[in-house]
């Protein structure tokens, strides 16, 4: 296959024979530059599946270190890496999984001052942060950059995911969140907890949406909020 090494051809064999993806789609994945905000519960499965799929460049923004309480859900990290930077731990996991992927570590806390510079070099962004203020900043920066945003969130037993791409004429972040909620009204996973496997469900869905956006396959979650009830094993879709 032109453009792939023998190792890559074997590695991506199930993609290369997949009708609708094939060689052209795999080339698009290899050429893509994807930024992931956070290296925690949602981002862990998202990064692993993006890397396994052959995304060429993955940027990771996180300034935190690995702690023991992370390991119940943050599957990028391991016990022997407690105390190390999450970006370094994530890079090690990706390198072990797929050495053909380039990891760009942004060991900083994303804020309004650096968001535009961070997003500017990427084709799309996945937001796995646990702060509404951060999500607001990321959404505004993605809109200014004209790149799609895959946004996921979890708390306790429930999760949600959607895709914002107002540059493509689809609904904006403000269409879903017309008012900024009070921080005291939002669930805090540190206080109320979160089932570890739930982050796997939503994080994997985030990777799926990213792959669809890169390759043009299927129908992204534009203007649709997909809700997952983990206890009831039910998905519900709301339009906005």
C-alpha atoms as a PDB file:
ATOM      1  CA  UNK A   1       0.000   0.000   0.000  1.00  0.00           C
ATOM      2  CA  UNK A   2       1.531   3.314  -1.103  1.00  0.00           C
ATOM      3  CA  UNK A   3       2.301   5.554   1.866  1.00  0.00           C
ATOM      4  CA  UNK A   4       2.375   2.755   4.460  1.00  0.00           C
ATOM      5  CA  UNK A   5       5.283   0.713   5.700  1.00  0.00           C
ATOM      6  CA  UNK A   6       4.917  -3.088   5.760  1.00  0.00           C
ATOM      7  CA  UNK A   7       4.329  -2.865   9.520  1.00  0.00           C
ATOM      8  CA  UNK A   8       1.572  -0.289   9.059  1.00  0.00           C
ATOM      9  CA  UNK A   9      -0.073  -2.344   6.323  1.00  0.00           C
ATOM     10  CA  UNK A  10      -0.283  -5.324   8.671  1.00  0.00           C
ATOM     11  CA  UNK A  11      -1.238  -3.171  11.661  1.00  0.00           C
ATOM     12  CA  UNK A  12      -4.157  -1.492   9.889  1.00  0.00           C
ATOM     13  CA  UNK A  13      -5.223  -4.549   7.879  1.00  0.00           C
ATOM     14  CA  UNK A  14      -8.766  -4.583   9.299  1.00  0.00           C
ATOM     15  CA  UNK A  15      -9.178  -0.936   8.334  1.00  0.00           C
ATOM     16  CA  UNK A  16      -7.715  -1.374   4.876  1.00  0.00           C
ATOM     17  CA  UNK A  17     -10.291  -4.024   3.970  1.00  0.00           C
ATOM     18  CA  UNK A  18     -13.166  -2.149   5.637  1.00  0.00           C
ATOM     19  CA  UNK A  19     -15.610  -0.958   2.994  1.00  0.00           C
ATOM     20  CA  UNK A  20     -16.065   2.785   3.292  1.00  0.00           C
ATOM     21  CA  UNK A  21     -12.702   3.339   4.978  1.00  0.00           C
ATOM     22  CA  UNK A  22      -9.976   1.396   3.150  1.00  0.00           C
ATOM     23  CA  UNK A  23      -6.663   2.883   2.078  1.00  0.00           C
ATOM     24  CA  UNK A  24      -7.936   6.437   1.455  1.00  0.00           C
ATOM     25  CA  UNK A  25      -9.523   6.632   4.898  1.00  0.00           C
ATOM     26  CA  UNK A  26      -6.418   5.273   6.571  1.00  0.00           C
ATOM     27  CA  UNK A  27      -4.342   7.871   4.749  1.00  0.00           C
ATOM     28  CA  UNK A  28      -6.645  10.562   6.139  1.00  0.00           C
ATOM     29  CA  UNK A  29      -6.177   9.190   9.645  1.00  0.00           C
ATOM     30  CA  UNK A  30      -2.400   9.175   9.203  1.00  0.00           C
ATOM     31  CA  UNK A  31      -2.419  12.785   7.996  1.00  0.00           C
ATOM     32  CA  UNK A  32      -4.693  14.024  10.799  1.00  0.00           C
ATOM     33  CA  UNK A  33      -3.610  16.169  13.726  1.00  0.00           C
ATOM     34  CA  UNK A  34      -5.902  15.791  16.735  1.00  0.00           C
ATOM     35  CA  UNK A  35      -5.679  17.674  20.034  1.00  0.00           C
ATOM     36  CA  UNK A  36      -7.000  16.090  23.227  1.00  0.00           C
ATOM     37  CA  UNK A  37      -7.702  18.265  26.268  1.00  0.00           C
ATOM     38  CA  UNK A  38      -6.784  16.312  29.380  1.00  0.00           C
ATOM     39  CA  UNK A  39      -5.211  12.902  29.907  1.00  0.00           C
ATOM     40  CA  UNK A  40      -7.762  11.639  32.410  1.00  0.00           C
ATOM     41  CA  UNK A  41     -10.773   9.360  32.454  1.00  0.00           C
ATOM     42  CA  UNK A  42     -12.433  10.361  29.178  1.00  0.00           C
ATOM     43  CA  UNK A  43      -9.238  11.116  27.332  1.00  0.00           C
ATOM     44  CA  UNK A  44      -7.561   7.823  28.255  1.00  0.00           C
ATOM     45  CA  UNK A  45      -9.707   5.528  26.067  1.00  0.00           C
ATOM     46  CA  UNK A  46     -10.057   8.245  23.436  1.00  0.00           C
ATOM     47  CA  UNK A  47      -6.279   8.622  23.081  1.00  0.00           C
ATOM     48  CA  UNK A  48      -5.685   4.866  23.041  1.00  0.00           C
ATOM     49  CA  UNK A  49      -8.249   4.248  20.304  1.00  0.00           C
ATOM     50  CA  UNK A  50      -7.087   7.233  18.256  1.00  0.00           C
ATOM     51  CA  UNK A  51      -3.540   5.921  18.483  1.00  0.00           C
ATOM     52  CA  UNK A  52      -4.591   2.383  17.617  1.00  0.00           C
ATOM     53  CA  UNK A  53      -6.542   3.722  14.623  1.00  0.00           C
ATOM     54  CA  UNK A  54      -3.417   5.392  13.258  1.00  0.00           C
ATOM     55  CA  UNK A  55      -4.060   9.098  13.846  1.00  0.00           C
ATOM     56  CA  UNK A  56      -0.766  10.596  12.694  1.00  0.00           C
ATOM     57  CA  UNK A  57      -0.299  13.270  15.356  1.00  0.00           C
ATOM     58  CA  UNK A  58      -2.003  13.465  18.743  1.00  0.00           C
ATOM     59  CA  UNK A  59      -1.489  16.494  20.956  1.00  0.00           C
ATOM     60  CA  UNK A  60      -2.225  16.115  24.677  1.00  0.00           C
ATOM     61  CA  UNK A  61      -2.838  19.064  27.009  1.00  0.00           C
ATOM     62  CA  UNK A  62      -2.468  18.333  30.742  1.00  0.00           C
ATOM     63  CA  UNK A  63      -0.338  19.778  33.532  1.00  0.00           C
ATOM     64  CA  UNK A  64      -1.235  17.207  36.215  1.00  0.00           C
ATOM     65  CA  UNK A  65       0.632  14.178  37.549  1.00  0.00           C
ATOM     66  CA  UNK A  66      -0.611  10.600  37.908  1.00  0.00           C
ATOM     67  CA  UNK A  67      -2.096   9.743  41.300  1.00  0.00           C
ATOM     68  CA  UNK A  68      -3.311   6.462  42.748  1.00  0.00           C
ATOM     69  CA  UNK A  69      -6.943   7.582  42.728  1.00  0.00           C
ATOM     70  CA  UNK A  70      -6.720   8.147  38.938  1.00  0.00           C
ATOM     71  CA  UNK A  71      -6.100   4.497  38.137  1.00  0.00           C
ATOM     72  CA  UNK A  72      -9.696   3.349  38.713  1.00  0.00           C
ATOM     73  CA  UNK A  73     -10.647   4.982  35.399  1.00  0.00           C
ATOM     74  CA  UNK A  74      -7.598   6.544  33.698  1.00  0.00           C
ATOM     75  CA  UNK A  75      -6.387   3.509  31.769  1.00  0.00           C
ATOM     76  CA  UNK A  76      -3.570   5.390  30.019  1.00  0.00           C
ATOM     77  CA  UNK A  77      -1.598   5.302  33.256  1.00  0.00           C
ATOM     78  CA  UNK A  78      -0.044   2.577  35.386  1.00  0.00           C
ATOM     79  CA  UNK A  79       0.844   2.108  39.043  1.00  0.00           C
ATOM     80  CA  UNK A  80       4.566   2.478  38.421  1.00  0.00           C
ATOM     81  CA  UNK A  81       3.983   5.923  36.900  1.00  0.00           C
ATOM     82  CA  UNK A  82       2.359   7.486  39.983  1.00  0.00           C
ATOM     83  CA  UNK A  83       3.889  10.930  40.473  1.00  0.00           C
ATOM     84  CA  UNK A  84       4.958  11.322  36.840  1.00  0.00           C
ATOM     85  CA  UNK A  85       3.472  13.837  34.435  1.00  0.00           C
ATOM     86  CA  UNK A  86       0.312  12.601  32.751  1.00  0.00           C
ATOM     87  CA  UNK A  87       1.566  13.821  29.387  1.00  0.00           C
ATOM     88  CA  UNK A  88       4.721  11.732  29.768  1.00  0.00           C
ATOM     89  CA  UNK A  89       2.733   8.699  30.922  1.00  0.00           C
ATOM     90  CA  UNK A  90       0.296   9.094  28.020  1.00  0.00           C
ATOM     91  CA  UNK A  91       3.150   9.364  25.527  1.00  0.00           C
ATOM     92  CA  UNK A  92       4.710   6.167  26.898  1.00  0.00           C
ATOM     93  CA  UNK A  93       1.418   4.281  26.572  1.00  0.00           C
ATOM     94  CA  UNK A  94       0.867   5.467  23.003  1.00  0.00           C
ATOM     95  CA  UNK A  95       4.438   4.652  21.997  1.00  0.00           C
ATOM     96  CA  UNK A  96       4.014   1.128  23.374  1.00  0.00           C
ATOM     97  CA  UNK A  97       0.745   0.695  21.484  1.00  0.00           C
ATOM     98  CA  UNK A  98       1.629   2.309  18.152  1.00  0.00           C
ATOM     99  CA  UNK A  99       5.123   3.715  17.497  1.00  0.00           C
ATOM    100  CA  UNK A 100       3.938   5.229  14.203  1.00  0.00           C
ATOM    101  CA  UNK A 101       1.940   7.909  16.068  1.00  0.00           C
ATOM    102  CA  UNK A 102       3.580  11.233  16.906  1.00  0.00           C
ATOM    103  CA  UNK A 103       2.685  12.532  20.370  1.00  0.00           C
ATOM    104  CA  UNK A 104       3.012  16.249  21.108  1.00  0.00           C
ATOM    105  CA  UNK A 105       2.959  16.897  24.852  1.00  0.00           C
ATOM    106  CA  UNK A 106       1.568  20.240  26.000  1.00  0.00           C
ATOM    107  CA  UNK A 107       2.328  20.139  29.723  1.00  0.00           C
ATOM    108  CA  UNK A 108       0.362  23.274  30.544  1.00  0.00           C
ATOM    109  CA  UNK A 109      -3.031  24.161  31.928  1.00  0.00           C
ATOM    110  CA  UNK A 110      -5.272  25.369  29.113  1.00  0.00           C
ATOM    111  CA  UNK A 111      -6.703  28.834  29.709  1.00  0.00           C
ATOM    112  CA  UNK A 112      -8.069  31.773  27.765  1.00  0.00           C
ATOM    113  CA  UNK A 113      -4.547  33.105  27.174  1.00  0.00           C
ATOM    114  CA  UNK A 114      -3.089  30.005  25.500  1.00  0.00           C
ATOM    115  CA  UNK A 115      -6.137  28.253  24.013  1.00  0.00           C
ATOM    116  CA  UNK A 116      -5.868  29.790  20.544  1.00  0.00           C
ATOM    117  CA  UNK A 117      -2.177  28.921  20.226  1.00  0.00           C
ATOM    118  CA  UNK A 118      -2.770  25.346  21.422  1.00  0.00           C
ATOM    119  CA  UNK A 119      -5.662  24.652  19.046  1.00  0.00           C
ATOM    120  CA  UNK A 120      -4.147  26.461  16.083  1.00  0.00           C
ATOM    121  CA  UNK A 121      -1.998  23.572  14.862  1.00  0.00           C
ATOM    122  CA  UNK A 122      -4.722  20.902  14.864  1.00  0.00           C
ATOM    123  CA  UNK A 123      -7.553  19.699  12.641  1.00  0.00           C
ATOM    124  CA  UNK A 124      -9.984  18.925  15.458  1.00  0.00           C
ATOM    125  CA  UNK A 125     -10.123  18.832  19.245  1.00  0.00           C
ATOM    126  CA  UNK A 126     -11.521  16.427  21.827  1.00  0.00           C
ATOM    127  CA  UNK A 127     -12.402  17.918  25.191  1.00  0.00           C
ATOM    128  CA  UNK A 128     -12.188  15.471  28.081  1.00  0.00           C
ATOM    129  CA  UNK A 129     -11.789  18.121  30.784  1.00  0.00           C
ATOM    130  CA  UNK A 130     -13.845  18.081  33.973  1.00  0.00           C
ATOM    131  CA  UNK A 131     -14.384  21.834  34.278  1.00  0.00           C
ATOM    132  CA  UNK A 132     -17.222  23.745  32.630  1.00  0.00           C
ATOM    133  CA  UNK A 133     -15.055  26.879  32.501  1.00  0.00           C
ATOM    134  CA  UNK A 134     -12.416  24.957  30.537  1.00  0.00           C
ATOM    135  CA  UNK A 135     -15.059  23.530  28.198  1.00  0.00           C
ATOM    136  CA  UNK A 136     -16.329  27.044  27.541  1.00  0.00           C
ATOM    137  CA  UNK A 137     -12.819  28.258  26.680  1.00  0.00           C
ATOM    138  CA  UNK A 138     -12.148  25.254  24.415  1.00  0.00           C
ATOM    139  CA  UNK A 139     -15.453  25.683  22.583  1.00  0.00           C
ATOM    140  CA  UNK A 140     -14.788  29.364  21.925  1.00  0.00           C
ATOM    141  CA  UNK A 141     -11.243  28.660  20.710  1.00  0.00           C
ATOM    142  CA  UNK A 142     -12.411  25.820  18.445  1.00  0.00           C
ATOM    143  CA  UNK A 143     -15.048  28.079  16.922  1.00  0.00           C
ATOM    144  CA  UNK A 144     -12.456  30.789  16.264  1.00  0.00           C
ATOM    145  CA  UNK A 145     -10.069  28.235  14.757  1.00  0.00           C
ATOM    146  CA  UNK A 146     -12.809  26.761  12.572  1.00  0.00           C
ATOM    147  CA  UNK A 147     -12.234  23.182  13.725  1.00  0.00           C
ATOM    148  CA  UNK A 148     -14.731  20.610  15.051  1.00  0.00           C
ATOM    149  CA  UNK A 149     -14.991  19.928  18.778  1.00  0.00           C
ATOM    150  CA  UNK A 150     -15.941  16.542  20.222  1.00  0.00           C
ATOM    151  CA  UNK A 151     -17.176  17.153  23.770  1.00  0.00           C
ATOM    152  CA  UNK A 152     -17.849  14.495  26.381  1.00  0.00           C
ATOM    153  CA  UNK A 153     -18.784  14.573  30.058  1.00  0.00           C
ATOM    154  CA  UNK A 154     -19.488  12.052  32.822  1.00  0.00           C
ATOM    155  CA  UNK A 155     -20.682  11.985  36.420  1.00  0.00           C
ATOM    156  CA  UNK A 156     -21.606   9.073  38.678  1.00  0.00           C
ATOM    157  CA  UNK A 157     -23.353   6.571  36.334  1.00  0.00           C
ATOM    158  CA  UNK A 158     -24.263   8.897  33.450  1.00  0.00           C
ATOM    159  CA  UNK A 159     -22.460  10.362  30.474  1.00  0.00           C
ATOM    160  CA  UNK A 160     -23.017  12.509  27.410  1.00  0.00           C
ATOM    161  CA  UNK A 161     -21.344  13.400  24.134  1.00  0.00           C
ATOM    162  CA  UNK A 162     -21.911  15.806  21.254  1.00  0.00           C
ATOM    163  CA  UNK A 163     -20.014  17.490  18.396  1.00  0.00           C
ATOM    164  CA  UNK A 164     -19.809  21.232  17.783  1.00  0.00           C
ATOM    165  CA  UNK A 165     -18.822  22.567  14.350  1.00  0.00           C
ATOM    166  CA  UNK A 166     -20.431  25.989  13.868  1.00  0.00           C
ATOM    167  CA  UNK A 167     -18.018  26.734  11.009  1.00  0.00           C
ATOM    168  CA  UNK A 168     -19.942  24.035   9.121  1.00  0.00           C
ATOM    169  CA  UNK A 169     -23.284  25.643   9.887  1.00  0.00           C
ATOM    170  CA  UNK A 170     -24.146  23.368  12.811  1.00  0.00           C
ATOM    171  CA  UNK A 171     -25.296  24.426  16.305  1.00  0.00           C
ATOM    172  CA  UNK A 172     -22.857  26.145  18.638  1.00  0.00           C
ATOM    173  CA  UNK A 173     -21.839  25.471  22.237  1.00  0.00           C
ATOM    174  CA  UNK A 174     -24.044  28.390  23.282  1.00  0.00           C
ATOM    175  CA  UNK A 175     -27.042  26.746  21.610  1.00  0.00           C
ATOM    176  CA  UNK A 176     -26.745  23.839  24.035  1.00  0.00           C
ATOM    177  CA  UNK A 177     -25.554  25.851  27.040  1.00  0.00           C
ATOM    178  CA  UNK A 178     -27.262  29.208  26.736  1.00  0.00           C
ATOM    179  CA  UNK A 179     -26.317  30.108  30.311  1.00  0.00           C
ATOM    180  CA  UNK A 180     -23.193  29.349  32.305  1.00  0.00           C
ATOM    181  CA  UNK A 181     -24.257  27.146  35.209  1.00  0.00           C
ATOM    182  CA  UNK A 182     -23.240  27.895  38.766  1.00  0.00           C
ATOM    183  CA  UNK A 183     -20.250  25.772  39.749  1.00  0.00           C
ATOM    184  CA  UNK A 184     -22.108  24.614  42.866  1.00  0.00           C
ATOM    185  CA  UNK A 185     -24.866  23.150  40.686  1.00  0.00           C
ATOM    186  CA  UNK A 186     -22.521  20.970  38.636  1.00  0.00           C
ATOM    187  CA  UNK A 187     -21.620  17.433  39.763  1.00  0.00           C
ATOM    188  CA  UNK A 188     -18.042  17.104  40.982  1.00  0.00           C
ATOM    189  CA  UNK A 189     -16.630  13.623  40.406  1.00  0.00           C
ATOM    190  CA  UNK A 190     -14.264  13.998  43.339  1.00  0.00           C
ATOM    191  CA  UNK A 191     -17.253  14.558  45.609  1.00  0.00           C
ATOM    192  CA  UNK A 192     -19.966  12.352  44.044  1.00  0.00           C
ATOM    193  CA  UNK A 193     -17.794   9.725  42.322  1.00  0.00           C
ATOM    194  CA  UNK A 194     -17.863   8.182  38.857  1.00  0.00           C
ATOM    195  CA  UNK A 195     -17.968   4.575  37.718  1.00  0.00           C
ATOM    196  CA  UNK A 196     -14.657   3.896  35.991  1.00  0.00           C
ATOM    197  CA  UNK A 197     -16.063   1.899  33.085  1.00  0.00           C
ATOM    198  CA  UNK A 198     -18.431   4.785  32.261  1.00  0.00           C
ATOM    199  CA  UNK A 199     -15.466   6.881  31.119  1.00  0.00           C
ATOM    200  CA  UNK A 200     -14.581   4.028  28.770  1.00  0.00           C
ATOM    201  CA  UNK A 201     -18.024   4.134  27.164  1.00  0.00           C
ATOM    202  CA  UNK A 202     -18.035   7.893  26.555  1.00  0.00           C
ATOM    203  CA  UNK A 203     -14.312   8.183  25.798  1.00  0.00           C
ATOM    204  CA  UNK A 204     -14.542   5.480  23.148  1.00  0.00           C
ATOM    205  CA  UNK A 205     -17.546   7.213  21.599  1.00  0.00           C
ATOM    206  CA  UNK A 206     -15.444  10.398  21.470  1.00  0.00           C
ATOM    207  CA  UNK A 207     -12.752   8.541  19.521  1.00  0.00           C
ATOM    208  CA  UNK A 208     -15.427   7.169  17.185  1.00  0.00           C
ATOM    209  CA  UNK A 209     -16.750  10.665  16.449  1.00  0.00           C
ATOM    210  CA  UNK A 210     -13.215  11.931  15.825  1.00  0.00           C
ATOM    211  CA  UNK A 211     -12.510   9.126  13.355  1.00  0.00           C
ATOM    212  CA  UNK A 212     -15.780   9.883  11.564  1.00  0.00           C
ATOM    213  CA  UNK A 213     -14.899  13.560  11.334  1.00  0.00           C
ATOM    214  CA  UNK A 214     -11.418  12.873   9.960  1.00  0.00           C
ATOM    215  CA  UNK A 215     -12.573  10.381   7.341  1.00  0.00           C
ATOM    216  CA  UNK A 216     -15.999  11.806   6.484  1.00  0.00           C
ATOM    217  CA  UNK A 217     -17.676   8.508   7.346  1.00  0.00           C
ATOM    218  CA  UNK A 218     -21.208   8.511   8.718  1.00  0.00           C
ATOM    219  CA  UNK A 219     -23.162  11.221  10.489  1.00  0.00           C
ATOM    220  CA  UNK A 220     -21.450  13.119  13.330  1.00  0.00           C
ATOM    221  CA  UNK A 221     -23.382  14.178  16.427  1.00  0.00           C
ATOM    222  CA  UNK A 222     -24.002  17.702  15.135  1.00  0.00           C
ATOM    223  CA  UNK A 223     -26.875  19.316  17.031  1.00  0.00           C
ATOM    224  CA  UNK A 224     -27.488  16.049  18.863  1.00  0.00           C
ATOM    225  CA  UNK A 225     -26.678  15.293  22.485  1.00  0.00           C
ATOM    226  CA  UNK A 226     -26.264  11.573  23.109  1.00  0.00           C
ATOM    227  CA  UNK A 227     -27.006  10.660  26.729  1.00  0.00           C
ATOM    228  CA  UNK A 228     -25.990   7.361  28.321  1.00  0.00           C
ATOM    229  CA  UNK A 229     -27.646   5.939  31.433  1.00  0.00           C
ATOM    230  CA  UNK A 230     -25.170   3.394  32.703  1.00  0.00           C
ATOM    231  CA  UNK A 231     -27.468   1.849  35.297  1.00  0.00           C
ATOM    232  CA  UNK A 232     -30.337   1.416  32.865  1.00  0.00           C
ATOM    233  CA  UNK A 233     -28.095   0.569  29.895  1.00  0.00           C
ATOM    234  CA  UNK A 234     -30.023   3.082  27.771  1.00  0.00           C
ATOM    235  CA  UNK A 235     -28.985   5.679  25.220  1.00  0.00           C
ATOM    236  CA  UNK A 236     -31.188   8.738  24.681  1.00  0.00           C
ATOM    237  CA  UNK A 237     -30.743  11.398  22.010  1.00  0.00           C
ATOM    238  CA  UNK A 238     -31.781  15.043  22.359  1.00  0.00           C
ATOM    239  CA  UNK A 239     -31.639  17.622  19.577  1.00  0.00           C
ATOM    240  CA  UNK A 240     -30.616  21.234  20.144  1.00  0.00           C
END
